[in-house]
Amino acid sequence: MDEKLKELIALANARGSKYMKGETSVSGIPEKVSELGVFLLTKTTRISELNGDKLREELNDVQQKIDDLRKAIFSNKLKK
């Protein structure tokens, strides 16, 4: 595995599911993707056990994180 990827995974693991929302630079996109990946992995087991309103809340939280990443990527594309 690539050393940079190992470093990003370690950083994301250290933050756990504490995904950091907000603007980021192009160089910060891999870090943001790693954080989102760990966030999604930690949510997977919880989501499978939920239903109704709780499931809707968790899925809404996941959607917000994905939207934040998408916005960060596209805002960086527009800056170029």
C-alpha atoms as a PDB file:
ATOM      1  CA  MET A   1       0.000   0.000   0.000  1.00  0.00           C
ATOM      2  CA  ASP A   2       1.188   3.510  -0.782  1.00  0.00           C
ATOM      3  CA  GLU A   3       2.796   5.326   2.170  1.00  0.00           C
ATOM      4  CA  LYS A   4       0.663   8.440   1.658  1.00  0.00           C
ATOM      5  CA  LEU A   5      -2.490   6.321   1.728  1.00  0.00           C
ATOM      6  CA  LYS A   6      -1.364   4.664   4.969  1.00  0.00           C
ATOM      7  CA  GLU A   7      -0.770   8.112   6.435  1.00  0.00           C
ATOM      8  CA  LEU A   8      -4.249   9.279   5.380  1.00  0.00           C
ATOM      9  CA  ILE A   9      -5.901   6.169   6.798  1.00  0.00           C
ATOM     10  CA  ALA A  10      -4.079   6.663  10.101  1.00  0.00           C
ATOM     11  CA  LEU A  11      -5.189  10.299  10.216  1.00  0.00           C
ATOM     12  CA  ALA A  12      -8.788   9.374   9.425  1.00  0.00           C
ATOM     13  CA  ASN A  13      -8.738   6.604  12.044  1.00  0.00           C
ATOM     14  CA  ALA A  14      -7.444   9.066  14.633  1.00  0.00           C
ATOM     15  CA  ARG A  15     -10.411  11.338  13.946  1.00  0.00           C
ATOM     16  CA  GLY A  16     -12.851   8.438  13.993  1.00  0.00           C
ATOM     17  CA  SER A  17     -16.272   9.494  12.804  1.00  0.00           C
ATOM     18  CA  LYS A  18     -15.524  13.154  13.496  1.00  0.00           C
ATOM     19  CA  TYR A  19     -15.669  14.214   9.858  1.00  0.00           C
ATOM     20  CA  MET A  20     -14.600  17.847   9.497  1.00  0.00           C
ATOM     21  CA  LYS A  21     -17.048  19.820   7.367  1.00  0.00           C
ATOM     22  CA  GLY A  22     -16.077  22.965   5.539  1.00  0.00           C
ATOM     23  CA  GLU A  23     -13.801  24.330   2.840  1.00  0.00           C
ATOM     24  CA  THR A  24     -10.561  22.591   2.002  1.00  0.00           C
ATOM     25  CA  SER A  25      -7.695  23.057  -0.427  1.00  0.00           C
ATOM     26  CA  VAL A  26      -6.940  20.713  -3.307  1.00  0.00           C
ATOM     27  CA  SER A  27      -4.205  19.082  -1.241  1.00  0.00           C
ATOM     28  CA  GLY A  28      -6.758  18.442   1.528  1.00  0.00           C
ATOM     29  CA  ILE A  29      -9.175  16.478  -0.694  1.00  0.00           C
ATOM     30  CA  PRO A  30      -7.488  13.068  -0.096  1.00  0.00           C
ATOM     31  CA  GLU A  31      -7.662  13.677   3.650  1.00  0.00           C
ATOM     32  CA  LYS A  32     -11.345  14.588   3.375  1.00  0.00           C
ATOM     33  CA  VAL A  33     -12.040  11.447   1.308  1.00  0.00           C
ATOM     34  CA  SER A  34     -10.254   9.305   3.909  1.00  0.00           C
ATOM     35  CA  GLU A  35     -12.263  10.888   6.705  1.00  0.00           C
ATOM     36  CA  LEU A  36     -15.484  10.258   4.805  1.00  0.00           C
ATOM     37  CA  GLY A  37     -14.490   6.634   4.194  1.00  0.00           C
ATOM     38  CA  VAL A  38     -13.849   5.998   7.876  1.00  0.00           C
ATOM     39  CA  PHE A  39     -17.042   7.867   8.780  1.00  0.00           C
ATOM     40  CA  LEU A  40     -19.055   5.645   6.420  1.00  0.00           C
ATOM     41  CA  LEU A  41     -17.423   2.468   7.729  1.00  0.00           C
ATOM     42  CA  THR A  42     -18.248   3.410  11.319  1.00  0.00           C
ATOM     43  CA  LYS A  43     -21.853   4.182  10.380  1.00  0.00           C
ATOM     44  CA  THR A  44     -22.399   0.939   8.467  1.00  0.00           C
ATOM     45  CA  THR A  45     -23.018  -1.274  11.490  1.00  0.00           C
ATOM     46  CA  ARG A  46     -25.209   1.306  13.206  1.00  0.00           C
ATOM     47  CA  ILE A  47     -27.357   1.953  10.136  1.00  0.00           C
ATOM     48  CA  SER A  48     -28.041  -1.745   9.588  1.00  0.00           C
ATOM     49  CA  GLU A  49     -29.655  -1.910  13.045  1.00  0.00           C
ATOM     50  CA  LEU A  50     -31.892   1.164  12.678  1.00  0.00           C
ATOM     51  CA  ASN A  51     -35.310   1.864  11.254  1.00  0.00           C
ATOM     52  CA  GLY A  52     -37.845   4.671  11.022  1.00  0.00           C
ATOM     53  CA  ASP A  53     -36.877   8.151  12.185  1.00  0.00           C
ATOM     54  CA  LYS A  54     -33.483   7.091  13.555  1.00  0.00           C
ATOM     55  CA  LEU A  55     -32.538   5.597  10.192  1.00  0.00           C
ATOM     56  CA  ARG A  56     -33.669   8.760   8.428  1.00  0.00           C
ATOM     57  CA  GLU A  57     -31.537  10.888  10.793  1.00  0.00           C
ATOM     58  CA  GLU A  58     -28.422   8.776  10.214  1.00  0.00           C
ATOM     59  CA  LEU A  59     -28.893   8.763   6.442  1.00  0.00           C
ATOM     60  CA  ASN A  60     -29.391  12.534   6.494  1.00  0.00           C
ATOM     61  CA  ASP A  61     -26.108  12.882   8.402  1.00  0.00           C
ATOM     62  CA  VAL A  62     -24.312  10.712   5.836  1.00  0.00           C
ATOM     63  CA  GLN A  63     -25.841  12.719   2.976  1.00  0.00           C
ATOM     64  CA  GLN A  64     -24.628  15.986   4.509  1.00  0.00           C
ATOM     65  CA  LYS A  65     -21.062  14.665   4.706  1.00  0.00           C
ATOM     66  CA  ILE A  66     -21.164  13.471   1.097  1.00  0.00           C
ATOM     67  CA  ASP A  67     -22.582  16.820  -0.028  1.00  0.00           C
ATOM     68  CA  ASP A  68     -19.807  18.621   1.853  1.00  0.00           C
ATOM     69  CA  LEU A  69     -17.144  16.567   0.068  1.00  0.00           C
ATOM     70  CA  ARG A  70     -18.827  17.166  -3.285  1.00  0.00           C
ATOM     71  CA  LYS A  71     -18.927  20.927  -2.636  1.00  0.00           C
ATOM     72  CA  ALA A  72     -15.250  20.934  -1.646  1.00  0.00           C
ATOM     73  CA  ILE A  73     -14.273  19.134  -4.838  1.00  0.00           C
ATOM     74  CA  PHE A  74     -16.344  21.355  -7.116  1.00  0.00           C
ATOM     75  CA  SER A  75     -15.312  24.593  -5.405  1.00  0.00           C
ATOM     76  CA  ASN A  76     -11.682  23.629  -6.021  1.00  0.00           C
ATOM     77  CA  LYS A  77     -12.454  22.839  -9.661  1.00  0.00           C
ATOM     78  CA  LEU A  78     -14.005  26.296 -10.078  1.00  0.00           C
ATOM     79  CA  LYS A  79     -10.938  28.005  -8.583  1.00  0.00           C
ATOM     80  CA  LYS A  80      -8.693  26.591 -11.325  1.00  0.00           C
END
